[in-house]
Amino acid sequence: MTKPGDLQTKKTIHELAKEFPNKTYIELEKYRDADRNEEAQQIFTQQDNEELKENQHKEDWKEKYKKERTRTDYLQSELDRVKRENNDLHNKVAALLDAVDPAVTIKKARESGL
């Protein structure tokens, strides 16, 4: 398979003269220059496509980052909530243990569901 820029795709004036014997030298040069311009345009198009892919990759990365950031924020808020509940339970247990009569303390702990 020939790609733009390969030696097989570039025709010399001699080859063009064999292919188009009725054309003049100037017409053959125009034809060859048109091929070169077309090849240059394909190279620019390939470069543009590569830049577009790079930009798209960057945008995908930013989108994934935002999605993970919102997920992380949610998980952090849930963790904070669980920590607060754990501290509240710890304070309740500590208050029950500070009671004078241990039998009453155990009864109150069982009644409160601890």
Protein backbone atom coordinates (compact mmCIF):
# COMPACT_ATOMS: atom_id res chain seq x y z
CA MET A 1 0.00 0.00 0.00
CA THR A 2 1.41 3.36 -0.97
CA LYS A 3 1.17 6.32 1.32
CA PRO A 4 1.57 10.00 0.52
CA GLY A 5 5.23 10.80 0.37
CA ASP A 6 6.34 7.34 -0.80
CA LEU A 7 8.60 7.19 -3.83
CA GLN A 8 6.00 5.06 -5.61
CA THR A 9 3.40 7.84 -5.55
CA LYS A 10 5.77 10.54 -6.87
CA LYS A 11 5.96 10.40 -10.64
CA THR A 12 8.81 11.95 -12.54
CA ILE A 13 8.34 14.15 -15.59
CA HIS A 14 9.62 11.25 -17.71
CA GLU A 15 6.95 8.88 -16.36
CA LEU A 16 4.25 11.51 -16.85
CA ALA A 17 5.45 12.10 -20.44
CA LYS A 18 5.08 8.37 -21.14
CA GLU A 19 1.61 8.36 -19.60
CA PHE A 20 0.44 11.55 -21.37
CA PRO A 21 2.40 11.81 -24.64
CA ASN A 22 0.23 14.65 -26.06
CA LYS A 23 0.87 17.05 -23.14
CA THR A 24 3.54 19.70 -23.12
CA TYR A 25 6.30 19.94 -20.52
CA ILE A 26 4.57 22.86 -18.77
CA GLU A 27 1.28 20.97 -18.58
CA LEU A 28 3.10 17.95 -17.12
CA GLU A 29 4.75 20.19 -14.49
CA LYS A 30 1.33 21.58 -13.55
CA TYR A 31 0.03 18.04 -13.21
CA ARG A 32 3.02 17.05 -11.03
CA ASP A 33 2.64 20.19 -8.90
CA ALA A 34 -1.06 19.43 -8.44
CA ASP A 35 -0.10 15.97 -7.16
CA ARG A 36 2.37 17.53 -4.74
CA ASN A 37 -0.20 20.03 -3.50
CA GLU A 38 -2.72 17.25 -2.98
CA GLU A 39 -0.13 15.26 -1.06
CA ALA A 40 0.71 18.28 1.10
CA GLN A 41 -3.00 18.78 1.82
CA GLN A 42 -3.29 15.15 2.95
CA ILE A 43 -0.34 15.63 5.30
CA PHE A 44 -1.96 18.75 6.80
CA THR A 45 -5.24 16.86 7.18
CA GLN A 46 -3.45 14.03 9.01
CA GLN A 47 -1.80 16.52 11.35
CA ASP A 48 -5.15 18.21 12.02
CA ASN A 49 -6.71 14.81 12.80
CA GLU A 50 -3.92 14.00 15.24
CA GLU A 51 -4.37 17.35 17.01
CA LEU A 52 -8.11 16.77 17.17
CA LYS A 53 -7.57 13.36 18.75
CA GLU A 54 -5.19 14.87 21.32
CA ASN A 55 -7.71 17.59 22.21
CA GLN A 56 -10.49 15.03 22.48
CA HIS A 57 -8.32 12.90 24.76
CA LYS A 58 -7.69 15.92 26.99
CA GLU A 59 -11.42 16.67 27.18
CA ASP A 60 -12.16 13.03 28.06
CA TRP A 61 -9.60 13.25 30.86
CA LYS A 62 -11.20 16.42 32.23
CA GLU A 63 -14.65 14.85 32.11
CA LYS A 64 -13.44 11.73 33.93
CA TYR A 65 -11.73 13.91 36.55
CA LYS A 66 -14.94 15.87 37.21
CA LYS A 67 -16.94 12.65 37.50
CA GLU A 68 -14.47 11.12 39.95
CA ARG A 69 -14.31 14.37 41.91
CA THR A 70 -18.09 14.40 42.46
CA ARG A 71 -17.97 10.72 43.46
CA THR A 72 -15.15 11.42 45.91
CA ASP A 73 -17.02 14.38 47.41
CA TYR A 74 -20.11 12.18 47.92
CA LEU A 75 -18.09 9.44 49.59
CA GLN A 76 -16.34 11.97 51.83
CA SER A 77 -19.67 13.42 52.96
CA GLU A 78 -20.96 9.91 53.76
CA LEU A 79 -17.79 9.16 55.72
CA ASP A 80 -18.18 12.39 57.70
CA ARG A 81 -21.81 11.46 58.50
CA VAL A 82 -20.80 8.00 59.74
CA LYS A 83 -18.05 9.53 61.89
CA ARG A 84 -20.54 11.95 63.49
CA GLU A 85 -22.96 9.10 64.23
CA ASN A 86 -20.13 7.04 65.70
CA ASN A 87 -19.10 9.94 67.96
CA ASP A 88 -22.71 10.40 69.10
CA LEU A 89 -22.95 6.72 69.99
CA HIS A 90 -19.61 6.87 71.79
CA ASN A 91 -20.83 9.83 73.85
CA LYS A 92 -24.05 8.01 74.76
CA VAL A 93 -22.13 4.92 75.89
CA ALA A 94 -19.72 7.06 77.89
CA ALA A 95 -22.63 8.83 79.59
CA LEU A 96 -24.22 5.50 80.49
CA LEU A 97 -20.94 4.16 81.90
CA ASP A 98 -20.55 7.22 84.08
CA ALA A 99 -23.72 6.32 85.98
CA VAL A 100 -23.31 5.29 89.63
CA ASP A 101 -25.09 1.92 89.60
CA PRO A 102 -23.65 -0.59 87.05
CA ALA A 103 -26.86 -2.65 86.97
CA VAL A 104 -28.87 0.43 85.99
CA THR A 105 -26.23 1.34 83.37
CA ILE A 106 -26.48 -2.06 81.65
CA LYS A 107 -30.28 -1.89 81.74
CA LYS A 108 -30.28 1.59 80.20
CA ALA A 109 -27.78 0.49 77.52
CA ARG A 110 -29.99 -2.47 76.60
CA GLU A 111 -33.09 -0.30 76.50
CA SER A 112 -31.45 2.24 74.19
CA GLY A 113 -30.40 -0.57 71.83
CA LEU A 114 -26.66 -0.45 72.45
